Structures are given as C-alpha cells and as structure tokens.
Amino acid sequence: ATCSFFSARKHGLVDAGVRNGKDDVKTAFFCLPGGIGTLDEFFEILALYQLRRIGSEERVPFMIMNYEGVFDKLLEFITESCVEHGLVNKGEMEEHVKVCSTNNEALEYLKQFYAL
C-alpha cells in the first residue's frame, strides 16, 4: 500500500486485523521475512498485543513465519536475552505470537484457532 504518511500505513495494518465480534471476518497477522520495515511492523503489532491495545474485541492470531530459521536470532533475543535482563516476562511473547516454520503449520494453527 502507498501512503503519504507512514503512520497511516500502520493504522491501516492494524485496522485490517481487528475483529469486532465472533461473526466478523476471520483474520490474522503474519510476519514474513523482510527488512527493517517488516521488523518495525512486527514490533508495532507485538507491542499493541503486549499492551492490550490491538483494538479488537476478539482475539486475532499473530504468526511469525520463521522459514529456514530466518528469525531464530531475533526470537532468541526476545525470549532469552530480554527475559534475562528483565525486559520481557518469560513466556510473554509466546502468549501473543505463534512461530511457524511452514505454511502447513500456519494453516493447521489457524484451523485450530478458529475451530474450522
């Protein structure tokens, strides 16, 4: 999407995932391998989940697609280093994010999440 202001793009990203009731569209957030902009969006969504400010009445799955271990070091940093230094509570990220290595794993998780 092209936006004049980056903040508008972030609002659109978040708004696209909001669910306002059990009968609303079934949606999910995915983090695919990418660069700095992708990481910015990943941390934006993660922070909103952590602060309970995602704005959705219903839970929305958030998956990081860790193809070929591309995010291993980042995940280690968050789940180990940040925990060790008291910056993140143990298990906190796992509460908000499902790490998947394959598309099939993500689809199976979505089937379970939405009881399909």
Protein backbone atom coordinates (compact mmCIF):
# COMPACT_ATOMS: atom_id res chain seq x y z
CA ALA A 1 0.00 0.00 0.00
CA THR A 2 1.18 3.50 -0.77
CA CYS A 3 0.56 6.17 1.87
CA SER A 4 1.77 9.75 2.20
CA PHE A 5 2.36 9.22 5.89
CA PHE A 6 3.87 6.09 7.39
CA SER A 7 1.60 6.33 10.44
CA ALA A 8 -1.45 5.98 8.16
CA ARG A 9 0.02 2.75 6.78
CA LYS A 10 0.45 1.41 10.33
CA HIS A 11 -3.12 2.32 11.24
CA GLY A 12 -4.32 0.51 8.11
CA LEU A 13 -2.24 -2.54 9.02
CA VAL A 14 -3.77 -2.74 12.49
CA ASP A 15 -7.32 -1.90 11.38
CA ALA A 16 -7.22 -4.71 8.80
CA GLY A 17 -6.81 -7.27 11.59
CA VAL A 18 -9.45 -6.03 14.01
CA ARG A 19 -12.39 -8.35 14.71
CA ASN A 20 -15.49 -6.78 16.25
CA GLY A 21 -17.38 -9.94 17.10
CA LYS A 22 -17.32 -13.71 16.76
CA ASP A 23 -19.19 -13.50 13.44
CA ASP A 24 -16.78 -10.92 12.00
CA VAL A 25 -14.27 -11.85 9.29
CA LYS A 26 -11.67 -14.36 10.43
CA THR A 27 -8.32 -12.67 10.01
CA ALA A 28 -4.73 -12.96 11.20
CA PHE A 29 -1.49 -11.03 11.35
CA PHE A 30 1.52 -12.61 9.65
CA CYS A 31 5.14 -11.54 9.83
CA LEU A 32 7.01 -12.78 6.78
CA PRO A 33 10.78 -12.49 6.28
CA GLY A 34 11.67 -8.94 5.35
CA GLY A 35 13.80 -5.97 6.20
CA ILE A 36 13.72 -3.14 8.71
CA GLY A 37 10.19 -2.05 7.73
CA THR A 38 8.92 -5.56 8.35
CA LEU A 39 10.59 -5.64 11.76
CA ASP A 40 9.08 -2.24 12.57
CA GLU A 41 5.60 -3.60 11.78
CA PHE A 42 6.30 -6.81 13.71
CA PHE A 43 7.29 -4.87 16.84
CA GLU A 44 4.36 -2.47 16.41
CA ILE A 45 1.85 -5.33 16.43
CA LEU A 46 3.71 -7.15 19.22
CA ALA A 47 3.73 -4.00 21.38
CA LEU A 48 -0.01 -3.48 20.82
CA TYR A 49 -0.67 -7.09 21.85
CA GLN A 50 1.58 -6.74 24.90
CA LEU A 51 -0.17 -3.53 25.97
CA ARG A 52 -3.59 -5.00 25.17
CA ARG A 53 -4.24 -2.14 22.74
CA ILE A 54 -4.75 -4.01 19.47
CA GLY A 55 -8.34 -2.69 19.41
CA SER A 56 -10.06 -5.95 18.60
CA GLU A 57 -12.97 -7.34 20.60
CA GLU A 58 -11.96 -10.88 19.60
CA ARG A 59 -8.53 -12.48 19.67
CA VAL A 60 -6.65 -12.34 16.40
CA PRO A 61 -3.83 -14.80 15.70
CA PHE A 62 -0.37 -13.35 15.13
CA MET A 63 2.10 -15.61 13.37
CA ILE A 64 5.75 -15.15 12.53
CA MET A 65 6.77 -17.24 9.56
CA ASN A 66 10.24 -18.45 10.50
CA TYR A 67 11.14 -20.02 7.16
CA GLU A 68 14.56 -21.69 7.28
CA GLY A 69 15.16 -20.17 10.73
CA VAL A 70 15.41 -16.61 9.38
CA PHE A 71 14.09 -15.17 12.67
CA ASP A 72 15.88 -17.56 15.06
CA LYS A 73 18.33 -14.96 16.41
CA LEU A 74 15.59 -12.35 16.82
CA LEU A 75 13.36 -14.82 18.66
CA GLU A 76 16.30 -15.83 20.85
CA PHE A 77 16.96 -12.18 21.64
CA ILE A 78 13.34 -11.58 22.71
CA THR A 79 12.69 -14.85 24.55
CA GLU A 80 16.10 -15.24 26.18
CA SER A 81 18.18 -12.04 26.32
CA CYS A 82 15.26 -9.71 27.03
CA VAL A 83 13.91 -12.12 29.66
CA GLU A 84 17.36 -12.49 31.24
CA HIS A 85 17.64 -8.71 31.57
CA GLY A 86 14.10 -8.33 32.94
CA LEU A 87 12.78 -6.50 29.88
CA VAL A 88 10.19 -9.13 28.91
CA ASN A 89 8.44 -11.64 31.14
CA LYS A 90 9.18 -15.31 30.50
CA GLY A 91 6.54 -16.74 28.15
CA GLU A 92 5.16 -13.32 27.30
CA MET A 93 5.97 -13.42 23.61
CA GLU A 94 4.65 -16.95 23.25
CA GLU A 95 1.34 -15.68 24.68
CA HIS A 96 0.97 -13.34 21.70
CA VAL A 97 2.86 -14.89 18.79
CA LYS A 98 2.80 -18.32 17.17
CA VAL A 99 6.07 -19.17 15.42
CA CYS A 100 5.58 -21.32 12.32
CA SER A 101 8.23 -22.86 10.08
CA THR A 102 5.94 -23.88 7.22
CA ASN A 103 2.74 -22.74 5.56
CA ASN A 104 1.06 -26.02 6.53
CA GLU A 105 1.94 -25.43 10.20
CA ALA A 106 0.36 -21.96 9.99
CA LEU A 107 -2.77 -23.32 8.31
CA GLU A 108 -3.15 -26.01 10.95
CA TYR A 109 -2.79 -23.40 13.69
CA LEU A 110 -5.46 -21.23 12.05
CA LYS A 111 -7.81 -24.22 11.76
CA GLN A 112 -7.40 -24.88 15.49
CA PHE A 113 -7.63 -21.22 16.42
CA TYR A 114 -10.89 -20.72 14.52
CA ALA A 115 -12.19 -24.27 15.09
CA LEU A 116 -12.55 -24.90 11.35
